[in-house]
């Protein structure tokens, strides 16, 4: 993806809260109202990004058959949109 720029886009995320305390994203809604169901959560890991919070959770999810990243940072969710 060399030469391709991205921007942080905050999104609304519907999640399931599991009995073990984990969170599983179910649906992503963009600011324009477009909604995408999350087909599968493949991986969750803590990552360091420029933020006021020490770590951010990065979810590797499958949406419409494509793998992408969904981030949770201090209760706010975002994706990186192509510009």
PDB file of N, CA and C in Angstrom:
ATOM      1  N   UNK A   1       0.812  -1.186   0.000  1.00  0.00           N
ATOM      2  CA  UNK A   1       0.000   0.000   0.000  1.00  0.00           C
ATOM      3  C   UNK A   1       0.857   1.251   0.000  1.00  0.00           C
ATOM      4  N   UNK A   2       1.959   1.180  -0.647  1.00  0.00           N
ATOM      5  CA  UNK A   2       2.867   2.307  -0.702  1.00  0.00           C
ATOM      6  C   UNK A   2       2.238   3.454  -1.479  1.00  0.00           C
ATOM      7  N   UNK A   3       2.361   4.661  -0.941  1.00  0.00           N
ATOM      8  CA  UNK A   3       1.818   5.829  -1.602  1.00  0.00           C
ATOM      9  C   UNK A   3       0.345   6.070  -1.305  1.00  0.00           C
ATOM     10  N   UNK A   4      -0.275   5.166  -0.567  1.00  0.00           N
ATOM     11  CA  UNK A   4      -1.690   5.304  -0.255  1.00  0.00           C
ATOM     12  C   UNK A   4      -1.825   5.919   1.142  1.00  0.00           C
ATOM     13  N   UNK A   5      -2.489   7.062   1.236  1.00  0.00           N
ATOM     14  CA  UNK A   5      -2.637   7.709   2.533  1.00  0.00           C
ATOM     15  C   UNK A   5      -3.968   7.319   3.165  1.00  0.00           C
ATOM     16  N   UNK A   6      -3.997   7.363   4.472  1.00  0.00           N
ATOM     17  CA  UNK A   6      -5.202   7.011   5.220  1.00  0.00           C
ATOM     18  C   UNK A   6      -5.464   8.065   6.281  1.00  0.00           C
ATOM     19  N   UNK A   7      -6.724   8.159   6.690  1.00  0.00           N
ATOM     20  CA  UNK A   7      -7.094   9.092   7.747  1.00  0.00           C
ATOM     21  C   UNK A   7      -7.932   8.351   8.774  1.00  0.00           C
ATOM     22  N   UNK A   8      -7.829   8.809  10.016  1.00  0.00           N
ATOM     23  CA  UNK A   8      -8.593   8.213  11.106  1.00  0.00           C
ATOM     24  C   UNK A   8     -10.044   8.667  10.978  1.00  0.00           C
ATOM     25  N   UNK A   9     -10.960   7.711  10.966  1.00  0.00           N
ATOM     26  CA  UNK A   9     -12.387   7.999  10.890  1.00  0.00           C
ATOM     27  C   UNK A   9     -13.070   7.340  12.085  1.00  0.00           C
ATOM     28  N   UNK A  10     -13.623   8.162  12.983  1.00  0.00           N
ATOM     29  CA  UNK A  10     -14.351   7.604  14.116  1.00  0.00           C
ATOM     30  C   UNK A  10     -15.647   6.982  13.632  1.00  0.00           C
ATOM     31  N   UNK A  11     -16.012   5.857  14.249  1.00  0.00           N
ATOM     32  CA  UNK A  11     -17.199   5.104  13.850  1.00  0.00           C
ATOM     33  C   UNK A  11     -17.981   4.687  15.093  1.00  0.00           C
ATOM     34  N   UNK A  12     -19.219   4.309  14.864  1.00  0.00           N
ATOM     35  CA  UNK A  12     -20.054   3.736  15.913  1.00  0.00           C
ATOM     36  C   UNK A  12     -19.935   2.220  15.798  1.00  0.00           C
ATOM     37  N   UNK A  13     -19.765   1.540  16.932  1.00  0.00           N
ATOM     38  CA  UNK A  13     -19.604   0.090  16.908  1.00  0.00           C
ATOM     39  C   UNK A  13     -20.568  -0.545  17.908  1.00  0.00           C
ATOM     40  N   UNK A  14     -21.338  -1.517  17.434  1.00  0.00           N
ATOM     41  CA  UNK A  14     -22.166  -2.326  18.314  1.00  0.00           C
ATOM     42  C   UNK A  14     -21.335  -3.541  18.710  1.00  0.00           C
ATOM     43  N   UNK A  15     -21.280  -3.818  20.017  1.00  0.00           N
ATOM     44  CA  UNK A  15     -20.436  -4.910  20.509  1.00  0.00           C
ATOM     45  C   UNK A  15     -21.228  -5.838  21.415  1.00  0.00           C
ATOM     46  N   UNK A  16     -20.736  -7.066  21.532  1.00  0.00           N
ATOM     47  CA  UNK A  16     -21.211  -8.013  22.532  1.00  0.00           C
ATOM     48  C   UNK A  16     -20.185  -8.036  23.649  1.00  0.00           C
ATOM     49  N   UNK A  17     -20.656  -7.994  24.881  1.00  0.00           N
ATOM     50  CA  UNK A  17     -19.780  -8.105  26.042  1.00  0.00           C
ATOM     51  C   UNK A  17     -19.866  -9.545  26.528  1.00  0.00           C
ATOM     52  N   UNK A  18     -18.735 -10.232  26.505  1.00  0.00           N
ATOM     53  CA  UNK A  18     -18.685 -11.646  26.878  1.00  0.00           C
ATOM     54  C   UNK A  18     -18.523 -11.809  28.384  1.00  0.00           C
ATOM     55  N   UNK A  19     -18.863 -12.971  28.886  1.00  0.00           N
ATOM     56  CA  UNK A  19     -18.798 -13.244  30.318  1.00  0.00           C
ATOM     57  C   UNK A  19     -17.373 -13.142  30.859  1.00  0.00           C
ATOM     58  N   UNK A  20     -16.373 -13.369  30.007  1.00  0.00           N
ATOM     59  CA  UNK A  20     -14.969 -13.283  30.444  1.00  0.00           C
ATOM     60  C   UNK A  20     -14.444 -11.842  30.424  1.00  0.00           C
ATOM     61  N   UNK A  21     -15.305 -10.891  30.080  1.00  0.00           N
ATOM     62  CA  UNK A  21     -14.913  -9.483  30.050  1.00  0.00           C
ATOM     63  C   UNK A  21     -14.443  -8.994  28.692  1.00  0.00           C
ATOM     64  N   UNK A  22     -14.324  -9.880  27.742  1.00  0.00           N
ATOM     65  CA  UNK A  22     -13.884  -9.473  26.400  1.00  0.00           C
ATOM     66  C   UNK A  22     -15.037  -8.799  25.656  1.00  0.00           C
ATOM     67  N   UNK A  23     -14.664  -8.074  24.625  1.00  0.00           N
ATOM     68  CA  UNK A  23     -15.616  -7.340  23.794  1.00  0.00           C
ATOM     69  C   UNK A  23     -15.496  -7.865  22.372  1.00  0.00           C
ATOM     70  N   UNK A  24     -16.635  -8.143  21.734  1.00  0.00           N
ATOM     71  CA  UNK A  24     -16.623  -8.638  20.356  1.00  0.00           C
ATOM     72  C   UNK A  24     -17.469  -7.720  19.467  1.00  0.00           C
ATOM     73  N   UNK A  25     -16.811  -6.955  18.577  1.00  0.00           N
ATOM     74  CA  UNK A  25     -17.556  -6.071  17.667  1.00  0.00           C
ATOM     75  C   UNK A  25     -18.507  -6.868  16.766  1.00  0.00           C
ATOM     76  N   UNK A  26     -19.714  -6.350  16.589  1.00  0.00           N
ATOM     77  CA  UNK A  26     -20.731  -7.002  15.766  1.00  0.00           C
ATOM     78  C   UNK A  26     -21.087  -6.202  14.517  1.00  0.00           C
ATOM     79  N   UNK A  27     -21.078  -4.858  14.650  1.00  0.00           N
ATOM     80  CA  UNK A  27     -21.531  -4.006  13.540  1.00  0.00           C
ATOM     81  C   UNK A  27     -20.810  -2.670  13.614  1.00  0.00           C
ATOM     82  N   UNK A  28     -20.376  -2.158  12.447  1.00  0.00           N
ATOM     83  CA  UNK A  28     -19.692  -0.869  12.339  1.00  0.00           C
ATOM     84  C   UNK A  28     -20.584   0.071  11.534  1.00  0.00           C
ATOM     85  N   UNK A  29     -20.794   1.280  12.069  1.00  0.00           N
ATOM     86  CA  UNK A  29     -21.592   2.280  11.360  1.00  0.00           C
ATOM     87  C   UNK A  29     -20.728   3.510  11.121  1.00  0.00           C
ATOM     88  N   UNK A  30     -20.589   3.894   9.843  1.00  0.00           N
ATOM     89  CA  UNK A  30     -19.825   5.081   9.475  1.00  0.00           C
ATOM     90  C   UNK A  30     -20.642   6.336   9.761  1.00  0.00           C
ATOM     91  N   UNK A  31     -19.980   7.497   9.761  1.00  0.00           N
ATOM     92  CA  UNK A  31     -20.656   8.757  10.105  1.00  0.00           C
ATOM     93  C   UNK A  31     -21.808   9.077   9.151  1.00  0.00           C
ATOM     94  N   UNK A  32     -21.775   8.583   7.947  1.00  0.00           N
ATOM     95  CA  UNK A  32     -22.860   8.816   6.992  1.00  0.00           C
ATOM     96  C   UNK A  32     -24.030   7.868   7.153  1.00  0.00           C
ATOM     97  N   UNK A  33     -23.927   6.929   8.108  1.00  0.00           N
ATOM     98  CA  UNK A  33     -25.020   5.999   8.354  1.00  0.00           C
ATOM     99  C   UNK A  33     -24.857   4.628   7.724  1.00  0.00           C
ATOM    100  N   UNK A  34     -23.858   4.473   6.847  1.00  0.00           N
ATOM    101  CA  UNK A  34     -23.635   3.183   6.206  1.00  0.00           C
ATOM    102  C   UNK A  34     -23.184   2.174   7.257  1.00  0.00           C
ATOM    103  N   UNK A  35     -23.825   0.988   7.277  1.00  0.00           N
ATOM    104  CA  UNK A  35     -23.567  -0.022   8.295  1.00  0.00           C
ATOM    105  C   UNK A  35     -22.969  -1.276   7.677  1.00  0.00           C
ATOM    106  N   UNK A  36     -22.002  -1.863   8.396  1.00  0.00           N
ATOM    107  CA  UNK A  36     -21.327  -3.072   7.949  1.00  0.00           C
ATOM    108  C   UNK A  36     -21.293  -4.089   9.078  1.00  0.00           C
ATOM    109  N   UNK A  37     -21.873  -5.273   8.879  1.00  0.00           N
ATOM    110  CA  UNK A  37     -21.750  -6.307   9.903  1.00  0.00           C
ATOM    111  C   UNK A  37     -20.316  -6.852   9.935  1.00  0.00           C
ATOM    112  N   UNK A  38     -19.846  -7.179  11.121  1.00  0.00           N
ATOM    113  CA  UNK A  38     -18.528  -7.800  11.276  1.00  0.00           C
ATOM    114  C   UNK A  38     -18.740  -9.303  11.135  1.00  0.00           C
ATOM    115  N   UNK A  39     -18.153  -9.877  10.078  1.00  0.00           N
ATOM    116  CA  UNK A  39     -18.318 -11.303   9.816  1.00  0.00           C
ATOM    117  C   UNK A  39     -17.552 -12.152  10.820  1.00  0.00           C
ATOM    118  N   UNK A  40     -16.359 -11.670  11.211  1.00  0.00           N
ATOM    119  CA  UNK A  40     -15.508 -12.469  12.092  1.00  0.00           C
ATOM    120  C   UNK A  40     -14.473 -11.560  12.756  1.00  0.00           C
ATOM    121  N   UNK A  41     -14.173 -11.841  14.018  1.00  0.00           N
ATOM    122  CA  UNK A  41     -13.052 -11.199  14.703  1.00  0.00           C
ATOM    123  C   UNK A  41     -11.928 -12.231  14.728  1.00  0.00           C
ATOM    124  N   UNK A  42     -10.826 -11.914  14.050  1.00  0.00           N
ATOM    125  CA  UNK A  42      -9.728 -12.877  13.933  1.00  0.00           C
ATOM    126  C   UNK A  42      -8.697 -12.740  15.043  1.00  0.00           C
ATOM    127  N   UNK A  43      -8.462 -11.507  15.505  1.00  0.00           N
ATOM    128  CA  UNK A  43      -7.391 -11.290  16.461  1.00  0.00           C
ATOM    129  C   UNK A  43      -7.608  -9.961  17.174  1.00  0.00           C
ATOM    130  N   UNK A  44      -7.178  -9.904  18.429  1.00  0.00           N
ATOM    131  CA  UNK A  44      -7.208  -8.657  19.196  1.00  0.00           C
ATOM    132  C   UNK A  44      -5.839  -8.502  19.827  1.00  0.00           C
ATOM    133  N   UNK A  45      -5.249  -7.316  19.676  1.00  0.00           N
ATOM    134  CA  UNK A  45      -3.951  -7.083  20.297  1.00  0.00           C
ATOM    135  C   UNK A  45      -3.837  -5.631  20.732  1.00  0.00           C
ATOM    136  N   UNK A  46      -2.978  -5.399  21.717  1.00  0.00           N
ATOM    137  CA  UNK A  46      -2.700  -4.037  22.179  1.00  0.00           C
ATOM    138  C   UNK A  46      -1.607  -3.459  21.299  1.00  0.00           C
ATOM    139  N   UNK A  47      -1.789  -2.223  20.869  1.00  0.00           N
ATOM    140  CA  UNK A  47      -0.796  -1.540  20.039  1.00  0.00           C
ATOM    141  C   UNK A  47      -0.548  -0.156  20.609  1.00  0.00           C
ATOM    142  N   UNK A  48       0.618   0.365  20.355  1.00  0.00           N
ATOM    143  CA  UNK A  48       0.957   1.721  20.785  1.00  0.00           C
ATOM    144  C   UNK A  48       0.803   2.658  19.593  1.00  0.00           C
ATOM    145  N   UNK A  49      -0.039   3.675  19.752  1.00  0.00           N
ATOM    146  CA  UNK A  49      -0.218   4.693  18.716  1.00  0.00           C
ATOM    147  C   UNK A  49      -0.136   6.045  19.409  1.00  0.00           C
ATOM    148  N   UNK A  50      -0.075   7.099  18.645  1.00  0.00           N
ATOM    149  CA  UNK A  50      -0.079   8.437  19.223  1.00  0.00           C
ATOM    150  C   UNK A  50      -1.463   8.704  19.791  1.00  0.00           C
ATOM    151  N   UNK A  51      -1.568   8.694  21.105  1.00  0.00           N
ATOM    152  CA  UNK A  51      -2.840   8.832  21.779  1.00  0.00           C
ATOM    153  C   UNK A  51      -2.591   9.276  23.207  1.00  0.00           C
ATOM    154  N   UNK A  52      -3.635   9.753  23.857  1.00  0.00           N
ATOM    155  CA  UNK A  52      -3.510  10.096  25.269  1.00  0.00           C
ATOM    156  C   UNK A  52      -3.536   8.848  26.133  1.00  0.00           C
ATOM    157  N   UNK A  53      -3.912   7.715  25.566  1.00  0.00           N
ATOM    158  CA  UNK A  53      -3.965   6.454  26.294  1.00  0.00           C
ATOM    159  C   UNK A  53      -2.713   5.638  25.971  1.00  0.00           C
ATOM    160  N   UNK A  54      -2.186   4.891  26.970  1.00  0.00           N
ATOM    161  CA  UNK A  54      -0.930   4.177  26.751  1.00  0.00           C
ATOM    162  C   UNK A  54      -1.016   3.071  25.701  1.00  0.00           C
ATOM    163  N   UNK A  55      -2.145   2.392  25.607  1.00  0.00           N
ATOM    164  CA  UNK A  55      -2.296   1.360  24.576  1.00  0.00           C
ATOM    165  C   UNK A  55      -3.693   1.426  23.983  1.00  0.00           C
ATOM    166  N   UNK A  56      -3.780   0.951  22.788  1.00  0.00           N
ATOM    167  CA  UNK A  56      -5.026   0.896  22.039  1.00  0.00           C
ATOM    168  C   UNK A  56      -5.256  -0.544  21.635  1.00  0.00           C
ATOM    169  N   UNK A  57      -6.501  -0.983  21.619  1.00  0.00           N
ATOM    170  CA  UNK A  57      -6.813  -2.330  21.153  1.00  0.00           C
ATOM    171  C   UNK A  57      -7.050  -2.291  19.648  1.00  0.00           C
ATOM    172  N   UNK A  58      -6.339  -3.172  18.937  1.00  0.00           N
ATOM    173  CA  UNK A  58      -6.540  -3.282  17.489  1.00  0.00           C
ATOM    174  C   UNK A  58      -7.198  -4.630  17.210  1.00  0.00           C
ATOM    175  N   UNK A  59      -8.366  -4.557  16.618  1.00  0.00           N
ATOM    176  CA  UNK A  59      -9.120  -5.755  16.253  1.00  0.00           C
ATOM    177  C   UNK A  59      -8.897  -6.034  14.772  1.00  0.00           C
ATOM    178  N   UNK A  60      -8.465  -7.234  14.462  1.00  0.00           N
ATOM    179  CA  UNK A  60      -8.403  -7.673  13.070  1.00  0.00           C
ATOM    180  C   UNK A  60      -9.749  -8.317  12.791  1.00  0.00           C
ATOM    181  N   UNK A  61     -10.528  -7.688  11.911  1.00  0.00           N
ATOM    182  CA  UNK A  61     -11.885  -8.155  11.636  1.00  0.00           C
ATOM    183  C   UNK A  61     -12.061  -8.437  10.151  1.00  0.00           C
ATOM    184  N   UNK A  62     -13.066  -9.236   9.849  1.00  0.00           N
ATOM    185  CA  UNK A  62     -13.441  -9.507   8.465  1.00  0.00           C
ATOM    186  C   UNK A  62     -14.798  -8.853   8.231  1.00  0.00           C
ATOM    187  N   UNK A  63     -14.843  -7.963   7.235  1.00  0.00           N
ATOM    188  CA  UNK A  63     -16.060  -7.254   6.854  1.00  0.00           C
ATOM    189  C   UNK A  63     -16.230  -7.422   5.350  1.00  0.00           C
ATOM    190  N   UNK A  64     -17.365  -7.940   4.939  1.00  0.00           N
ATOM    191  CA  UNK A  64     -17.654  -8.182   3.514  1.00  0.00           C
ATOM    192  C   UNK A  64     -16.547  -9.005   2.865  1.00  0.00           C
ATOM    193  N   UNK A  65     -16.032  -9.987   3.608  1.00  0.00           N
ATOM    194  CA  UNK A  65     -15.025 -10.896   3.072  1.00  0.00           C
ATOM    195  C   UNK A  65     -13.609 -10.349   3.055  1.00  0.00           C
ATOM    196  N   UNK A  66     -13.408  -9.114   3.534  1.00  0.00           N
ATOM    197  CA  UNK A  66     -12.074  -8.511   3.525  1.00  0.00           C
ATOM    198  C   UNK A  66     -11.600  -8.247   4.945  1.00  0.00           C
ATOM    199  N   UNK A  67     -10.322  -8.532   5.168  1.00  0.00           N
ATOM    200  CA  UNK A  67      -9.717  -8.300   6.471  1.00  0.00           C
ATOM    201  C   UNK A  67      -9.316  -6.839   6.613  1.00  0.00           C
ATOM    202  N   UNK A  68      -9.628  -6.251   7.767  1.00  0.00           N
ATOM    203  CA  UNK A  68      -9.286  -4.864   8.030  1.00  0.00           C
ATOM    204  C   UNK A  68      -9.058  -4.685   9.522  1.00  0.00           C
ATOM    205  N   UNK A  69      -8.598  -3.506   9.924  1.00  0.00           N
ATOM    206  CA  UNK A  69      -8.359  -3.222  11.334  1.00  0.00           C
ATOM    207  C   UNK A  69      -9.429  -2.274  11.857  1.00  0.00           C
ATOM    208  N   UNK A  70      -9.844  -2.528  13.080  1.00  0.00           N
ATOM    209  CA  UNK A  70     -10.776  -1.689  13.823  1.00  0.00           C
ATOM    210  C   UNK A  70     -10.107  -1.399  15.153  1.00  0.00           C
ATOM    211  N   UNK A  71     -10.057  -0.135  15.544  1.00  0.00           N
ATOM    212  CA  UNK A  71      -9.331   0.268  16.746  1.00  0.00           C
ATOM    213  C   UNK A  71     -10.287   0.779  17.815  1.00  0.00           C
ATOM    214  N   UNK A  72      -9.974   0.446  19.086  1.00  0.00           N
ATOM    215  CA  UNK A  72     -10.694   0.993  20.231  1.00  0.00           C
ATOM    216  C   UNK A  72      -9.667   1.715  21.091  1.00  0.00           C
ATOM    217  N   UNK A  73      -9.896   3.003  21.302  1.00  0.00           N
ATOM    218  CA  UNK A  73      -8.929   3.860  21.996  1.00  0.00           C
ATOM    219  C   UNK A  73      -9.667   4.665  23.065  1.00  0.00           C
ATOM    220  N   UNK A  74      -9.607   4.200  24.299  1.00  0.00           N
ATOM    221  CA  UNK A  74     -10.253   4.918  25.390  1.00  0.00           C
ATOM    222  C   UNK A  74     -11.760   5.026  25.248  1.00  0.00           C
ATOM    223  N   UNK A  75     -12.391   3.991  24.705  1.00  0.00           N
ATOM    224  CA  UNK A  75     -13.844   3.999  24.529  1.00  0.00           C
ATOM    225  C   UNK A  75     -14.318   4.548  23.200  1.00  0.00           C
ATOM    226  N   UNK A  76     -13.401   5.104  22.407  1.00  0.00           N
ATOM    227  CA  UNK A  76     -13.745   5.586  21.068  1.00  0.00           C
ATOM    228  C   UNK A  76     -13.234   4.571  20.047  1.00  0.00           C
ATOM    229  N   UNK A  77     -14.021   4.355  19.019  1.00  0.00           N
ATOM    230  CA  UNK A  77     -13.676   3.398  17.968  1.00  0.00           C
ATOM    231  C   UNK A  77     -13.353   4.148  16.687  1.00  0.00           C
ATOM    232  N   UNK A  78     -12.366   3.640  15.933  1.00  0.00           N
ATOM    233  CA  UNK A  78     -12.062   4.247  14.637  1.00  0.00           C
ATOM    234  C   UNK A  78     -11.506   3.205  13.670  1.00  0.00           C
ATOM    235  N   UNK A  79     -11.577   3.553  12.405  1.00  0.00           N
ATOM    236  CA  UNK A  79     -10.964   2.795  11.312  1.00  0.00           C
ATOM    237  C   UNK A  79     -10.048   3.759  10.572  1.00  0.00           C
ATOM    238  N   UNK A  80      -9.178   3.224   9.753  1.00  0.00           N
ATOM    239  CA  UNK A  80      -8.345   4.048   8.895  1.00  0.00           C
ATOM    240  C   UNK A  80      -8.904   3.976   7.487  1.00  0.00           C
ATOM    241  N   UNK A  81      -9.448   5.111   7.034  1.00  0.00           N
ATOM    242  CA  UNK A  81     -10.085   5.195   5.726  1.00  0.00           C
ATOM    243  C   UNK A  81      -9.076   5.621   4.663  1.00  0.00           C
ATOM    244  N   UNK A  82      -9.235   5.090   3.465  1.00  0.00           N
ATOM    245  CA  UNK A  82      -8.409   5.530   2.348  1.00  0.00           C
ATOM    246  C   UNK A  82      -8.806   6.955   2.008  1.00  0.00           C
ATOM    247  N   UNK A  83      -7.796   7.776   1.644  1.00  0.00           N
ATOM    248  CA  UNK A  83      -8.099   9.162   1.259  1.00  0.00           C
ATOM    249  C   UNK A  83      -7.959   9.339  -0.234  1.00  0.00           C
TER     250      UNK A  83
END
